Protein backbone atom coordinates (compact mmCIF):
# COMPACT_ATOMS: atom_id res chain seq x y z
CA UNK A 1 -80.86 -75.41 34.93
CA UNK A 2 -78.12 -72.86 34.32
CA UNK A 3 -74.51 -73.92 34.51
CA UNK A 4 -72.55 -72.25 37.26
CA UNK A 5 -69.47 -70.31 36.26
CA UNK A 6 -66.56 -68.74 38.06
CA UNK A 7 -67.00 -65.13 39.13
CA UNK A 8 -65.53 -62.85 36.49
CA UNK A 9 -65.10 -59.15 35.95
CA UNK A 10 -65.43 -57.31 32.68
CA UNK A 11 -62.30 -55.44 31.66
CA UNK A 12 -61.06 -53.20 28.85
CA UNK A 13 -58.52 -55.12 26.75
CA UNK A 14 -58.07 -52.80 23.73
CA UNK A 15 -58.69 -49.18 22.74
CA UNK A 16 -58.93 -47.14 19.54
CA UNK A 17 -59.90 -43.66 18.39
CA UNK A 18 -60.57 -41.41 15.41
CA UNK A 19 -60.72 -37.63 15.13
CA UNK A 20 -61.37 -35.81 11.84
CA UNK A 21 -58.59 -33.78 10.22
CA UNK A 22 -60.45 -30.47 9.99
CA UNK A 23 -59.80 -28.17 12.96
CA UNK A 24 -61.96 -25.23 14.03
CA UNK A 25 -60.03 -23.04 16.45
CA UNK A 26 -61.45 -20.26 18.59
CA UNK A 27 -60.33 -17.63 16.08
CA UNK A 28 -62.78 -19.13 13.58
CA UNK A 29 -65.68 -18.49 15.95
CA UNK A 30 -64.59 -14.87 16.40
CA UNK A 31 -65.34 -14.50 12.69
CA UNK A 32 -68.88 -15.94 12.75
CA UNK A 33 -70.39 -15.01 16.15
CA UNK A 34 -69.88 -12.40 18.86
CA UNK A 35 -67.21 -14.12 20.97
CA UNK A 36 -63.46 -14.20 21.57
CA UNK A 37 -60.70 -16.73 22.06
CA UNK A 38 -60.17 -15.39 25.57
CA UNK A 39 -63.87 -15.68 26.47
CA UNK A 40 -64.15 -19.27 25.15
CA UNK A 41 -60.92 -20.43 26.81
CA UNK A 42 -61.71 -18.84 30.17
CA UNK A 43 -65.24 -20.23 30.41
CA UNK A 44 -64.82 -23.65 28.83
CA UNK A 45 -61.15 -24.59 28.51
CA UNK A 46 -61.63 -25.27 24.78
CA UNK A 47 -59.07 -24.02 22.23
CA UNK A 48 -60.09 -26.06 19.17
CA UNK A 49 -62.37 -28.88 18.02
CA UNK A 50 -62.50 -31.33 15.09
CA UNK A 51 -65.20 -31.36 12.41
CA UNK A 52 -66.14 -34.23 10.08
CA UNK A 53 -66.85 -32.78 6.64
CA UNK A 54 -68.05 -35.93 4.87
CA UNK A 55 -69.71 -39.05 6.25
CA UNK A 56 -71.64 -39.89 9.39
CA UNK A 57 -71.08 -41.26 12.86
CA UNK A 58 -70.62 -44.83 11.59
CA UNK A 59 -67.67 -43.71 9.43
CA UNK A 60 -65.82 -42.34 12.47
CA UNK A 61 -66.69 -45.41 14.53
CA UNK A 62 -65.32 -47.76 11.88
CA UNK A 63 -62.11 -45.72 11.69
CA UNK A 64 -61.74 -45.96 15.48
CA UNK A 65 -62.25 -49.73 15.31
CA UNK A 66 -59.62 -49.97 12.56
CA UNK A 67 -57.24 -48.09 14.87
CA UNK A 68 -57.99 -50.58 17.64
CA UNK A 69 -57.42 -53.58 15.37
CA UNK A 70 -54.17 -52.08 14.05
CA UNK A 71 -52.71 -52.14 17.55
CA UNK A 72 -54.45 -55.17 19.09
CA UNK A 73 -55.05 -58.58 17.47
CA UNK A 74 -58.81 -58.90 16.93
CA UNK A 75 -60.66 -60.96 14.34
CA UNK A 76 -63.98 -59.21 13.54
CA UNK A 77 -65.70 -62.59 13.34
CA UNK A 78 -64.89 -63.15 17.03
CA UNK A 79 -66.90 -60.10 18.12
CA UNK A 80 -70.12 -61.09 19.91
CA UNK A 81 -71.80 -57.73 20.38
CA UNK A 82 -71.45 -54.08 19.32
CA UNK A 83 -72.92 -51.36 21.55
CA UNK A 84 -72.87 -47.83 20.17
CA UNK A 85 -73.41 -44.85 22.46
CA UNK A 86 -74.53 -41.94 20.26
CA UNK A 87 -77.14 -39.21 19.90
CA UNK A 88 -76.18 -38.59 16.28
CA UNK A 89 -76.83 -41.94 14.55
CA UNK A 90 -76.42 -42.00 10.78
CA UNK A 91 -80.20 -42.48 10.72
CA UNK A 92 -82.91 -43.65 13.12
CA UNK A 93 -82.85 -47.10 11.58
CA UNK A 94 -81.06 -49.25 10.83
CA UNK A 95 -78.98 -48.68 13.92
CA UNK A 96 -75.45 -47.37 13.70
CA UNK A 97 -74.38 -50.67 15.30
CA UNK A 98 -75.80 -52.54 12.30
CA UNK A 99 -73.95 -50.28 9.87
CA UNK A 100 -70.68 -50.78 11.77
CA UNK A 101 -71.22 -54.56 11.98
CA UNK A 102 -71.51 -54.80 8.20
CA UNK A 103 -68.62 -52.44 7.46
CA UNK A 104 -66.10 -54.27 9.67
CA UNK A 105 -67.24 -57.79 8.78
CA UNK A 106 -68.35 -58.75 12.29
CA UNK A 107 -70.77 -61.29 10.84
CA UNK A 108 -71.32 -63.17 14.10
CA UNK A 109 -72.13 -60.07 16.17
CA UNK A 110 -75.43 -58.51 17.10
CA UNK A 111 -75.70 -54.93 18.27
CA UNK A 112 -77.72 -51.88 19.16
CA UNK A 113 -77.47 -48.13 19.74
CA UNK A 114 -77.84 -46.61 23.19
CA UNK A 115 -78.97 -43.03 23.73
CA UNK A 116 -77.88 -41.29 26.94
CA UNK A 117 -76.18 -38.17 25.52
CA UNK A 118 -72.93 -37.29 27.30
CA UNK A 119 -73.37 -40.17 29.76
CA UNK A 120 -73.80 -42.62 26.89
CA UNK A 121 -70.38 -44.24 27.07
CA UNK A 122 -70.76 -44.99 30.80
CA UNK A 123 -74.23 -46.47 30.27
CA UNK A 124 -72.93 -48.57 27.36
CA UNK A 125 -69.83 -49.72 29.25
CA UNK A 126 -71.90 -50.90 32.22
CA UNK A 127 -74.32 -52.64 29.84
CA UNK A 128 -71.39 -54.45 28.22
CA UNK A 129 -70.01 -55.40 31.63
CA UNK A 130 -73.33 -57.00 32.57
CA UNK A 131 -73.35 -59.05 29.36
CA UNK A 132 -69.76 -60.19 30.04
CA UNK A 133 -70.48 -61.04 33.68
CA UNK A 134 -73.41 -63.21 32.58
CA UNK A 135 -70.85 -65.58 31.08
CA UNK A 136 -72.61 -65.65 27.69
CA UNK A 137 -70.41 -63.15 25.84
CA UNK A 138 -66.64 -62.88 25.46
CA UNK A 139 -65.85 -59.95 23.17
CA UNK A 140 -67.92 -56.75 23.11
CA UNK A 141 -67.07 -53.53 21.28
CA UNK A 142 -68.28 -50.42 23.10
CA UNK A 143 -68.26 -47.38 20.84
CA UNK A 144 -68.71 -43.75 21.89
CA UNK A 145 -69.21 -41.63 18.77
CA UNK A 146 -70.94 -38.39 17.87
CA UNK A 147 -70.97 -36.02 14.93
CA UNK A 148 -72.10 -33.06 17.00
CA UNK A 149 -71.52 -30.63 14.13
CA UNK A 150 -74.58 -32.18 12.45
CA UNK A 151 -76.92 -30.84 15.18
CA UNK A 152 -75.06 -27.67 16.17
CA UNK A 153 -76.48 -24.25 15.31
CA UNK A 154 -73.50 -22.15 14.22
CA UNK A 155 -75.47 -18.94 14.77
CA UNK A 156 -75.90 -19.74 18.49
CA UNK A 157 -72.80 -18.30 20.13
CA UNK A 158 -73.40 -20.05 23.45
CA UNK A 159 -73.56 -23.56 21.97
CA UNK A 160 -71.57 -23.63 18.74
CA UNK A 161 -68.24 -23.12 20.51
CA UNK A 162 -68.65 -26.23 22.64
CA UNK A 163 -68.95 -29.23 20.36
CA UNK A 164 -66.73 -31.35 18.13
CA UNK A 165 -66.84 -34.64 16.25
CA UNK A 166 -65.00 -37.84 17.23
CA UNK A 167 -65.26 -41.57 17.86
CA UNK A 168 -63.52 -43.91 20.25
CA UNK A 169 -63.94 -47.59 21.05
CA UNK A 170 -62.96 -50.10 23.71
CA UNK A 171 -63.00 -53.90 23.60
CA UNK A 172 -64.52 -55.44 26.74
CA UNK A 173 -63.66 -59.04 27.70
CA UNK A 174 -63.89 -61.25 30.80
CA UNK A 175 -61.07 -61.47 33.34
CA UNK A 176 -60.89 -64.00 36.14
CA UNK A 177 -58.48 -61.97 38.27
CA UNK A 178 -60.98 -59.88 40.23
CA UNK A 179 -58.28 -57.37 41.17
CA UNK A 180 -58.81 -55.88 37.70
CA UNK A 181 -61.67 -54.67 35.56
CA UNK A 182 -64.96 -52.89 36.21
CA UNK A 183 -65.69 -53.07 39.93
CA UNK A 184 -68.63 -50.75 40.50
CA UNK A 185 -70.96 -48.31 38.81
CA UNK A 186 -73.52 -45.76 39.95
CA UNK A 187 -75.81 -44.48 37.20
CA UNK A 188 -78.73 -42.06 37.36
CA UNK A 189 -81.32 -40.34 35.22
CA UNK A 190 -83.80 -37.59 36.04
CA UNK A 191 -86.30 -36.58 33.36
CA UNK A 192 -87.11 -33.30 35.10
CA UNK A 193 -84.07 -31.92 33.27
CA UNK A 194 -85.77 -32.49 29.91
CA UNK A 195 -86.52 -28.80 29.30
CA UNK A 196 -82.97 -27.54 29.76
CA UNK A 197 -81.03 -29.58 27.19
CA UNK A 198 -82.65 -31.18 24.16
CA UNK A 199 -83.22 -31.27 20.41
CA UNK A 200 -86.91 -30.55 19.95
CA UNK A 201 -87.64 -31.91 16.48
CA UNK A 202 -86.85 -34.96 14.39
CA UNK A 203 -88.58 -37.52 16.57
CA UNK A 204 -92.19 -38.72 16.63
CA UNK A 205 -93.46 -35.72 18.64
CA UNK A 206 -92.28 -33.13 16.12
CA UNK A 207 -91.44 -34.86 12.81
CA UNK A 208 -89.46 -32.84 10.31
CA UNK A 209 -91.57 -30.18 8.60
CA UNK A 210 -91.16 -26.73 7.09
CA UNK A 211 -92.14 -25.32 10.48
CA UNK A 212 -89.60 -27.31 12.50
CA UNK A 213 -86.80 -26.37 10.09
CA UNK A 214 -87.80 -22.69 10.08
CA UNK A 215 -87.88 -22.69 13.89
CA UNK A 216 -84.40 -24.27 14.05
CA UNK A 217 -85.76 -27.12 16.16
CA UNK A 218 -83.32 -29.65 14.68
CA UNK A 219 -80.42 -28.15 16.64
CA UNK A 220 -79.29 -28.52 20.23
CA UNK A 221 -81.02 -26.25 22.72
CA UNK A 222 -79.30 -25.68 26.06
CA UNK A 223 -80.08 -23.52 29.07
CA UNK A 224 -76.40 -23.17 29.85
CA UNK A 225 -76.49 -21.81 33.41
CA UNK A 226 -79.04 -24.35 34.63
CA UNK A 227 -77.23 -27.29 33.01
CA UNK A 228 -73.87 -26.07 34.33
CA UNK A 229 -75.14 -26.02 37.94
CA UNK A 230 -76.74 -29.46 37.61
CA UNK A 231 -73.63 -30.92 35.98
CA UNK A 232 -71.25 -29.57 38.62
CA UNK A 233 -73.35 -31.08 41.40
CA UNK A 234 -74.18 -34.34 39.59
CA UNK A 235 -70.66 -35.22 38.43
CA UNK A 236 -68.99 -34.15 41.66
CA UNK A 237 -71.49 -35.93 43.92
CA UNK A 238 -71.54 -39.25 42.04
CA UNK A 239 -67.75 -39.34 41.77
CA UNK A 240 -67.43 -38.82 45.51
CA UNK A 241 -70.24 -41.33 46.15
CA UNK A 242 -68.50 -44.14 44.25
CA UNK A 243 -65.22 -43.41 46.07
CA UNK A 244 -66.94 -43.54 49.45
CA UNK A 245 -68.85 -46.73 48.62
CA UNK A 246 -65.60 -48.49 47.70
CA UNK A 247 -63.54 -47.06 50.58
CA UNK A 248 -61.24 -45.21 48.19
CA UNK A 249 -59.18 -42.19 49.14
CA UNK A 250 -57.72 -39.67 46.72
CA UNK A 251 -54.36 -41.47 47.12
CA UNK A 252 -55.91 -44.70 45.79
CA UNK A 253 -56.95 -43.11 42.49
CA UNK A 254 -54.54 -42.83 39.57
CA UNK A 255 -56.92 -40.79 37.39
CA UNK A 256 -60.30 -39.18 37.25
CA UNK A 257 -61.55 -39.68 33.67
CA UNK A 258 -64.25 -37.02 33.33
CA UNK A 259 -66.60 -36.19 30.51
CA UNK A 260 -65.04 -33.24 28.69
CA UNK A 261 -67.87 -30.69 28.71
CA UNK A 262 -66.37 -27.74 30.55
CA UNK A 263 -63.08 -27.30 32.39
CA UNK A 264 -64.82 -25.67 35.35
CA UNK A 265 -67.06 -28.74 35.80
CA UNK A 266 -64.00 -31.00 35.60
CA UNK A 267 -62.15 -28.92 38.21
CA UNK A 268 -65.14 -28.93 40.56
CA UNK A 269 -65.38 -32.72 40.32
CA UNK A 270 -61.67 -33.18 41.03
CA UNK A 271 -61.90 -30.81 44.00
CA UNK A 272 -64.82 -32.74 45.50
CA UNK A 273 -62.78 -35.95 45.14
CA UNK A 274 -59.73 -34.32 46.72
CA UNK A 275 -57.45 -34.95 43.74
CA UNK A 276 -55.09 -32.57 41.96
CA UNK A 277 -55.34 -31.66 38.28
CA UNK A 278 -52.30 -33.81 37.39
CA UNK A 279 -54.50 -36.85 38.20
CA UNK A 280 -57.26 -35.74 35.84
CA UNK A 281 -57.40 -36.82 32.19
CA UNK A 282 -57.91 -33.71 30.04
CA UNK A 283 -58.18 -33.21 26.28
CA UNK A 284 -61.07 -30.74 26.11
CA UNK A 285 -58.65 -28.06 24.91
CA UNK A 286 -58.06 -29.97 21.64
CA UNK A 287 -61.40 -31.66 20.94
CA UNK A 288 -64.14 -29.80 22.81
CA UNK A 289 -67.23 -31.73 23.84
CA UNK A 290 -67.56 -34.83 21.64
CA UNK A 291 -70.44 -36.15 23.80
CA UNK A 292 -70.27 -39.98 24.03
CA UNK A 293 -66.69 -40.05 22.70
CA UNK A 294 -64.96 -37.94 25.37
CA UNK A 295 -64.20 -40.57 28.01
CA UNK A 296 -62.92 -43.34 25.69
CA UNK A 297 -60.89 -40.70 23.80
CA UNK A 298 -59.14 -39.83 27.06
CA UNK A 299 -58.51 -43.49 27.88
CA UNK A 300 -57.08 -44.17 24.42
CA UNK A 301 -54.83 -41.11 24.32
CA UNK A 302 -53.44 -41.62 27.80
CA UNK A 303 -52.84 -45.34 27.17
CA UNK A 304 -51.07 -44.66 23.88
CA UNK A 305 -48.92 -42.03 25.58
CA UNK A 306 -47.81 -44.55 28.21
CA UNK A 307 -49.53 -42.66 31.02
CA UNK A 308 -51.86 -45.53 31.97
CA UNK A 309 -50.41 -48.61 33.63
CA UNK A 310 -51.74 -51.95 34.82
CA UNK A 311 -53.27 -51.66 38.28
CA UNK A 312 -54.25 -47.99 37.98
CA UNK A 313 -57.55 -47.22 39.69
CA UNK A 314 -59.78 -45.01 37.54
CA UNK A 315 -63.02 -43.16 38.20
CA UNK A 316 -64.99 -42.46 35.01
CA UNK A 317 -67.58 -39.73 35.46
CA UNK A 318 -70.12 -37.98 33.22
CA UNK A 319 -73.23 -35.79 33.12
CA UNK A 320 -75.54 -35.30 30.15
CA UNK A 321 -78.96 -34.49 28.76
CA UNK A 322 -81.90 -36.28 30.26
CA UNK A 323 -80.60 -35.57 32.82
CA UNK A 324 -78.27 -38.56 32.86
CA UNK A 325 -75.17 -38.96 34.99
CA UNK A 326 -72.99 -41.52 36.69
CA UNK A 327 -69.59 -42.91 37.58
CA UNK A 328 -67.71 -46.18 37.04
CA UNK A 329 -64.84 -47.48 39.16
CA UNK A 330 -62.41 -49.77 37.34
CA UNK A 331 -58.86 -51.03 37.71
CA UNK A 332 -56.86 -50.93 34.49
CA UNK A 333 -55.69 -54.37 33.31
CA UNK A 334 -53.72 -53.52 30.15
CA UNK A 335 -49.93 -53.61 30.29
C-alpha cells in the first residue's frame, strides 16, 4: 500500500545557461548565400547566432549546469534524475544524459534523453513535474540543449540563417505552497506534420551511406511556409487555451515565454493572448533558434537581469517538428 503524501507542486529553483563564444551575424550569411541582413531581420527577427566550434551537446549542457551550480548551492550527488531535451545528442547511445551524469559527478542520478524538437523543453519540464509530484524524486535537472549547427546545411539559404547552438538548464524541486510552481500544461503532437520538417537520414530507416550523404539527407529539411502557418496557429491557440482553462486574463500574466523560432510567430501568439510585447521574453535577435534551449535561455537571462520576480505568472509556449506543440502555466517561486 502506497504512503499518502501532501499535495505538492513542482517548481523551478535554479537556472543556468551556456552560449558559445563564436558569433555569426547576418553579414556573414550575406557572404555565403543569397540573402541580406535586412531580409533576415525583417522575416525572422534574428541578428546573430552562436556556434560551437569544438565539442558536442553534452559539453554545452555541462557548462550550463556549472553556471547553475556557481549561482545556486547544489551537490551533484543530490541529483535524482537528469532529463535532456535534444535532437542533437552527442551520439544515439549512450544518451546525452548519461554523458552529463558522468561529467558532473551525479553518481546517484539516472537519466534519459527526450526528443520533441523545439517543444522538447516543455515536454521534459512536464515529465520532470510528474516525477516530482509522485513524491519519489526531489531534485531533477531539466536540460534543453542543441548544437543545431551540426545538422544545418549552410548552402540552404532558407534554413541556415535560423539556427544557433546553446544549452540551458533548470533545477526542478517540490514545493508545498501550491500558490507557486507548475500549475497546468497542455501538450500535443500530430504526426501528419512529419513531411514538412525533418532530418531524413541517420536513423534506422535511412542509415548513413554514400547515397544519404550525397543527397544531403543528414541536414534539416523544412517546408518553411507550411511550418510557419502551423506554428502560428498551434502556439497561439494553445497559449490562449491554457489561459482560458485557468481563468487567466492578460493582466494576470507577467510574461509569455515563447519558443524563439521567428519573431512573427512570437508576435502572433502575444496578440492572441492580448498581451503587449513588453510582456514577452525575447532573445531571438542574439541567439536565433536554439531549439530545445530557447525557453530556458529566456528564463535564465530574465532572472539574472532581475526582470523575473517571485509570484510572476508565466506562460511557456512552443511549436516544433513532429508536429509537437504545447504550453505550460507556472508561477515563479524564486526570489
